[in-house]
């Protein structure tokens, strides 16, 4: 798939089947995230690839609790890539993480894997339980959650909604 078609055909998927994403594809997706631009090329973005069902469920419950919900905000996805960034990099850390999330989702689509950005990573990893998970994964307290990239395979096609963005041409 060419790059332009990939960008305009990717959709956020919120219903996944039970098919696992292979380690090979996950490695490629993560590498694309690592290749995202960062402010002054500091490359302080961290990625946690989660395939363990128990850990995904724990993270899902923590995420749902932020919304006072019991629904699964990960929609049954078979893998989650948590994107974290070190706040010590300065004012660009949120943008660095957002660019990494974009690369993850676009790479996934190019490789035939469905994805969606799930928010509330900051709130989850600011909690006591979340901070403990970060420490277990080797991240210090200067890292914050940017997003959760859920991954899997969808059995449904999602149609593109009409674009409503404001576009101004100044010539």
C-alpha atoms as a PDB file:
ATOM      1  CA  UNK A   1       0.000   0.000   0.000  1.00  0.00           C
ATOM      2  CA  UNK A   2       1.458   3.384  -0.850  1.00  0.00           C
ATOM      3  CA  UNK A   3       1.983   5.880   1.965  1.00  0.00           C
ATOM      4  CA  UNK A   4      -0.748   8.308   0.920  1.00  0.00           C
ATOM      5  CA  UNK A   5      -3.404   5.582   0.600  1.00  0.00           C
ATOM      6  CA  UNK A   6      -2.325   4.202   3.977  1.00  0.00           C
ATOM      7  CA  UNK A   7      -2.829   7.595   5.620  1.00  0.00           C
ATOM      8  CA  UNK A   8      -6.271   8.234   4.156  1.00  0.00           C
ATOM      9  CA  UNK A   9      -7.696   4.734   4.661  1.00  0.00           C
ATOM     10  CA  UNK A  10      -6.685   4.031   8.282  1.00  0.00           C
ATOM     11  CA  UNK A  11      -9.626   3.933  10.709  1.00  0.00           C
ATOM     12  CA  UNK A  12      -9.892   3.547  14.467  1.00  0.00           C
ATOM     13  CA  UNK A  13     -11.226   0.085  15.232  1.00  0.00           C
ATOM     14  CA  UNK A  14     -13.297  -0.579  18.341  1.00  0.00           C
ATOM     15  CA  UNK A  15     -14.179  -4.246  17.876  1.00  0.00           C
ATOM     16  CA  UNK A  16     -11.568  -6.991  17.713  1.00  0.00           C
ATOM     17  CA  UNK A  17     -11.627 -10.715  17.104  1.00  0.00           C
ATOM     18  CA  UNK A  18      -9.471 -13.229  19.024  1.00  0.00           C
ATOM     19  CA  UNK A  19      -6.629 -13.423  16.486  1.00  0.00           C
ATOM     20  CA  UNK A  20      -3.264 -12.609  18.054  1.00  0.00           C
ATOM     21  CA  UNK A  21      -0.851 -10.179  16.425  1.00  0.00           C
ATOM     22  CA  UNK A  22       2.473 -11.898  15.709  1.00  0.00           C
ATOM     23  CA  UNK A  23       5.660 -10.857  17.473  1.00  0.00           C
ATOM     24  CA  UNK A  24       7.187 -10.098  14.064  1.00  0.00           C
ATOM     25  CA  UNK A  25       4.454  -7.592  13.220  1.00  0.00           C
ATOM     26  CA  UNK A  26       4.560  -6.043  16.692  1.00  0.00           C
ATOM     27  CA  UNK A  27       8.318  -5.553  16.359  1.00  0.00           C
ATOM     28  CA  UNK A  28       7.824  -3.761  13.033  1.00  0.00           C
ATOM     29  CA  UNK A  29       5.057  -1.576  14.464  1.00  0.00           C
ATOM     30  CA  UNK A  30       7.150  -0.613  17.498  1.00  0.00           C
ATOM     31  CA  UNK A  31      10.137   0.176  15.281  1.00  0.00           C
ATOM     32  CA  UNK A  32       7.949   2.573  13.281  1.00  0.00           C
ATOM     33  CA  UNK A  33       7.024   4.239  16.575  1.00  0.00           C
ATOM     34  CA  UNK A  34      10.691   4.531  17.463  1.00  0.00           C
ATOM     35  CA  UNK A  35      11.321   6.222  14.103  1.00  0.00           C
ATOM     36  CA  UNK A  36       8.868   9.041  14.838  1.00  0.00           C
ATOM     37  CA  UNK A  37      10.448  12.485  15.028  1.00  0.00           C
ATOM     38  CA  UNK A  38      11.247  13.880  18.461  1.00  0.00           C
ATOM     39  CA  UNK A  39      12.195  17.361  19.590  1.00  0.00           C
ATOM     40  CA  UNK A  40      15.946  17.868  19.062  1.00  0.00           C
ATOM     41  CA  UNK A  41      16.135  14.126  18.278  1.00  0.00           C
ATOM     42  CA  UNK A  42      16.182  13.305  22.007  1.00  0.00           C
ATOM     43  CA  UNK A  43      14.394   9.969  21.476  1.00  0.00           C
ATOM     44  CA  UNK A  44      13.059   9.691  25.024  1.00  0.00           C
ATOM     45  CA  UNK A  45       9.870   7.890  24.040  1.00  0.00           C
ATOM     46  CA  UNK A  46       9.284   4.549  25.745  1.00  0.00           C
ATOM     47  CA  UNK A  47       7.161   1.678  24.462  1.00  0.00           C
ATOM     48  CA  UNK A  48       5.684  -1.151  26.525  1.00  0.00           C
ATOM     49  CA  UNK A  49       4.325  -3.982  24.371  1.00  0.00           C
ATOM     50  CA  UNK A  50       1.698  -5.965  26.256  1.00  0.00           C
ATOM     51  CA  UNK A  51       0.367  -9.282  24.997  1.00  0.00           C
ATOM     52  CA  UNK A  52      -0.295 -10.887  28.373  1.00  0.00           C
ATOM     53  CA  UNK A  53      -4.080 -11.111  28.783  1.00  0.00           C
ATOM     54  CA  UNK A  54      -3.949 -10.547  32.543  1.00  0.00           C
ATOM     55  CA  UNK A  55      -1.892  -7.362  32.188  1.00  0.00           C
ATOM     56  CA  UNK A  56      -4.134  -6.072  29.386  1.00  0.00           C
ATOM     57  CA  UNK A  57      -7.195  -6.665  31.586  1.00  0.00           C
ATOM     58  CA  UNK A  58      -5.565  -4.923  34.551  1.00  0.00           C
ATOM     59  CA  UNK A  59      -4.629  -1.923  32.421  1.00  0.00           C
ATOM     60  CA  UNK A  60      -8.124  -1.880  30.884  1.00  0.00           C
ATOM     61  CA  UNK A  61      -9.738  -1.817  34.329  1.00  0.00           C
ATOM     62  CA  UNK A  62      -7.467   1.014  35.490  1.00  0.00           C
ATOM     63  CA  UNK A  63      -8.286   2.942  32.322  1.00  0.00           C
ATOM     64  CA  UNK A  64     -12.035   2.362  32.722  1.00  0.00           C
ATOM     65  CA  UNK A  65     -11.884   3.465  36.365  1.00  0.00           C
ATOM     66  CA  UNK A  66     -10.641   6.890  35.231  1.00  0.00           C
ATOM     67  CA  UNK A  67     -14.014   7.257  33.456  1.00  0.00           C
ATOM     68  CA  UNK A  68     -15.991   5.690  36.326  1.00  0.00           C
ATOM     69  CA  UNK A  69     -16.883   2.835  33.989  1.00  0.00           C
ATOM     70  CA  UNK A  70     -16.667  -0.945  33.962  1.00  0.00           C
ATOM     71  CA  UNK A  71     -16.719  -1.261  30.140  1.00  0.00           C
ATOM     72  CA  UNK A  72     -13.578  -2.468  28.359  1.00  0.00           C
ATOM     73  CA  UNK A  73     -11.958   0.643  26.843  1.00  0.00           C
ATOM     74  CA  UNK A  74      -9.574  -1.663  24.926  1.00  0.00           C
ATOM     75  CA  UNK A  75     -12.474  -3.319  23.059  1.00  0.00           C
ATOM     76  CA  UNK A  76     -11.029  -6.830  23.322  1.00  0.00           C
ATOM     77  CA  UNK A  77      -7.769  -5.933  21.552  1.00  0.00           C
ATOM     78  CA  UNK A  78      -5.125  -8.669  21.646  1.00  0.00           C
ATOM     79  CA  UNK A  79      -2.153  -6.342  22.169  1.00  0.00           C
ATOM     80  CA  UNK A  80      -1.500  -2.918  23.655  1.00  0.00           C
ATOM     81  CA  UNK A  81       1.492  -0.677  23.134  1.00  0.00           C
ATOM     82  CA  UNK A  82       1.727   1.905  25.894  1.00  0.00           C
ATOM     83  CA  UNK A  83       3.560   5.054  24.822  1.00  0.00           C
ATOM     84  CA  UNK A  84       5.441   6.883  27.559  1.00  0.00           C
ATOM     85  CA  UNK A  85       7.698   9.916  27.355  1.00  0.00           C
ATOM     86  CA  UNK A  86      10.283  11.325  29.732  1.00  0.00           C
ATOM     87  CA  UNK A  87       9.165  14.803  30.801  1.00  0.00           C
ATOM     88  CA  UNK A  88      12.823  15.782  31.287  1.00  0.00           C
ATOM     89  CA  UNK A  89      13.087  16.338  27.504  1.00  0.00           C
ATOM     90  CA  UNK A  90      11.323  19.655  27.901  1.00  0.00           C
ATOM     91  CA  UNK A  91       8.273  21.138  26.267  1.00  0.00           C
ATOM     92  CA  UNK A  92       8.040  18.714  23.333  1.00  0.00           C
ATOM     93  CA  UNK A  93       7.386  15.483  25.226  1.00  0.00           C
ATOM     94  CA  UNK A  94       3.638  15.353  24.519  1.00  0.00           C
ATOM     95  CA  UNK A  95       4.186  16.042  20.823  1.00  0.00           C
ATOM     96  CA  UNK A  96       6.931  13.427  20.672  1.00  0.00           C
ATOM     97  CA  UNK A  97       4.551  10.851  22.146  1.00  0.00           C
ATOM     98  CA  UNK A  98       1.701  11.880  19.834  1.00  0.00           C
ATOM     99  CA  UNK A  99       3.930  11.481  16.781  1.00  0.00           C
ATOM    100  CA  UNK A 100       4.972   8.032  18.014  1.00  0.00           C
ATOM    101  CA  UNK A 101       1.307   7.067  18.446  1.00  0.00           C
ATOM    102  CA  UNK A 102       0.578   8.214  14.899  1.00  0.00           C
ATOM    103  CA  UNK A 103       3.459   6.171  13.528  1.00  0.00           C
ATOM    104  CA  UNK A 104       2.297   3.095  15.450  1.00  0.00           C
ATOM    105  CA  UNK A 105      -1.234   3.298  14.074  1.00  0.00           C
ATOM    106  CA  UNK A 106      -0.171   4.038  10.506  1.00  0.00           C
ATOM    107  CA  UNK A 107       2.424   1.249  10.534  1.00  0.00           C
ATOM    108  CA  UNK A 108      -0.157  -1.170  11.919  1.00  0.00           C
ATOM    109  CA  UNK A 109      -2.578  -0.301   9.123  1.00  0.00           C
ATOM    110  CA  UNK A 110       0.140  -0.703   6.483  1.00  0.00           C
ATOM    111  CA  UNK A 111       0.835  -4.188   7.888  1.00  0.00           C
ATOM    112  CA  UNK A 112      -2.846  -5.218   7.975  1.00  0.00           C
ATOM    113  CA  UNK A 113      -3.302  -4.774  11.740  1.00  0.00           C
ATOM    114  CA  UNK A 114      -6.202  -2.768  13.190  1.00  0.00           C
ATOM    115  CA  UNK A 115      -5.589  -0.122  15.847  1.00  0.00           C
ATOM    116  CA  UNK A 116      -7.039   2.672  17.941  1.00  0.00           C
ATOM    117  CA  UNK A 117      -5.580   5.353  20.229  1.00  0.00           C
ATOM    118  CA  UNK A 118      -7.028   5.021  23.722  1.00  0.00           C
ATOM    119  CA  UNK A 119      -6.560   8.021  25.995  1.00  0.00           C
ATOM    120  CA  UNK A 120      -6.201   8.226  29.773  1.00  0.00           C
ATOM    121  CA  UNK A 121      -2.680   6.780  29.865  1.00  0.00           C
ATOM    122  CA  UNK A 122      -1.520   9.852  31.782  1.00  0.00           C
ATOM    123  CA  UNK A 123      -4.163   9.390  34.469  1.00  0.00           C
ATOM    124  CA  UNK A 124      -3.538   5.650  34.724  1.00  0.00           C
ATOM    125  CA  UNK A 125       0.213   6.031  35.120  1.00  0.00           C
ATOM    126  CA  UNK A 126      -0.140   8.959  37.523  1.00  0.00           C
ATOM    127  CA  UNK A 127      -2.015   6.626  39.888  1.00  0.00           C
ATOM    128  CA  UNK A 128      -0.243   4.602  42.577  1.00  0.00           C
ATOM    129  CA  UNK A 129      -0.907   1.327  40.731  1.00  0.00           C
ATOM    130  CA  UNK A 130       0.224   2.840  37.447  1.00  0.00           C
ATOM    131  CA  UNK A 131       3.441   4.217  38.963  1.00  0.00           C
ATOM    132  CA  UNK A 132       4.183   0.757  40.356  1.00  0.00           C
ATOM    133  CA  UNK A 133       3.718  -0.778  36.901  1.00  0.00           C
ATOM    134  CA  UNK A 134       6.113   1.799  35.427  1.00  0.00           C
ATOM    135  CA  UNK A 135       8.740   0.977  38.040  1.00  0.00           C
ATOM    136  CA  UNK A 136       8.350  -2.754  37.331  1.00  0.00           C
ATOM    137  CA  UNK A 137       8.912  -2.030  33.638  1.00  0.00           C
ATOM    138  CA  UNK A 138      12.063  -0.004  34.381  1.00  0.00           C
ATOM    139  CA  UNK A 139      10.728   3.561  33.957  1.00  0.00           C
ATOM    140  CA  UNK A 140      11.414   6.253  36.537  1.00  0.00           C
ATOM    141  CA  UNK A 141       8.950   8.804  37.856  1.00  0.00           C
ATOM    142  CA  UNK A 142       9.759  11.376  35.174  1.00  0.00           C
ATOM    143  CA  UNK A 143       7.915   9.301  32.548  1.00  0.00           C
ATOM    144  CA  UNK A 144       4.255  10.005  31.812  1.00  0.00           C
ATOM    145  CA  UNK A 145       1.682   8.120  29.793  1.00  0.00           C
ATOM    146  CA  UNK A 146       0.766   9.580  26.416  1.00  0.00           C
ATOM    147  CA  UNK A 147      -1.513   6.929  24.967  1.00  0.00           C
ATOM    148  CA  UNK A 148      -2.404   3.279  24.594  1.00  0.00           C
ATOM    149  CA  UNK A 149      -2.257   1.931  21.058  1.00  0.00           C
ATOM    150  CA  UNK A 150      -4.573  -1.064  21.011  1.00  0.00           C
ATOM    151  CA  UNK A 151      -3.938  -3.615  18.271  1.00  0.00           C
ATOM    152  CA  UNK A 152      -5.656  -6.634  16.820  1.00  0.00           C
ATOM    153  CA  UNK A 153      -7.810  -7.693  13.907  1.00  0.00           C
ATOM    154  CA  UNK A 154     -11.266  -6.448  13.074  1.00  0.00           C
ATOM    155  CA  UNK A 155     -13.944  -8.420  11.277  1.00  0.00           C
ATOM    156  CA  UNK A 156     -15.828  -5.247  10.345  1.00  0.00           C
ATOM    157  CA  UNK A 157     -15.152  -2.510   7.827  1.00  0.00           C
ATOM    158  CA  UNK A 158     -15.397   1.039   9.144  1.00  0.00           C
ATOM    159  CA  UNK A 159     -16.578   3.638   6.662  1.00  0.00           C
ATOM    160  CA  UNK A 160     -14.936   7.041   6.548  1.00  0.00           C
ATOM    161  CA  UNK A 161     -17.150   9.814   7.857  1.00  0.00           C
ATOM    162  CA  UNK A 162     -17.244  13.046   5.860  1.00  0.00           C
ATOM    163  CA  UNK A 163     -14.326  15.336   6.642  1.00  0.00           C
ATOM    164  CA  UNK A 164     -15.379  18.540   8.409  1.00  0.00           C
ATOM    165  CA  UNK A 165     -11.994  20.125   9.105  1.00  0.00           C
ATOM    166  CA  UNK A 166     -11.693  23.787   8.263  1.00  0.00           C
ATOM    167  CA  UNK A 167      -9.247  24.378   5.432  1.00  0.00           C
ATOM    168  CA  UNK A 168      -8.095  27.859   4.476  1.00  0.00           C
ATOM    169  CA  UNK A 169      -5.987  28.547   1.384  1.00  0.00           C
ATOM    170  CA  UNK A 170      -3.979  31.746   1.370  1.00  0.00           C
ATOM    171  CA  UNK A 171      -2.365  32.384  -1.998  1.00  0.00           C
END
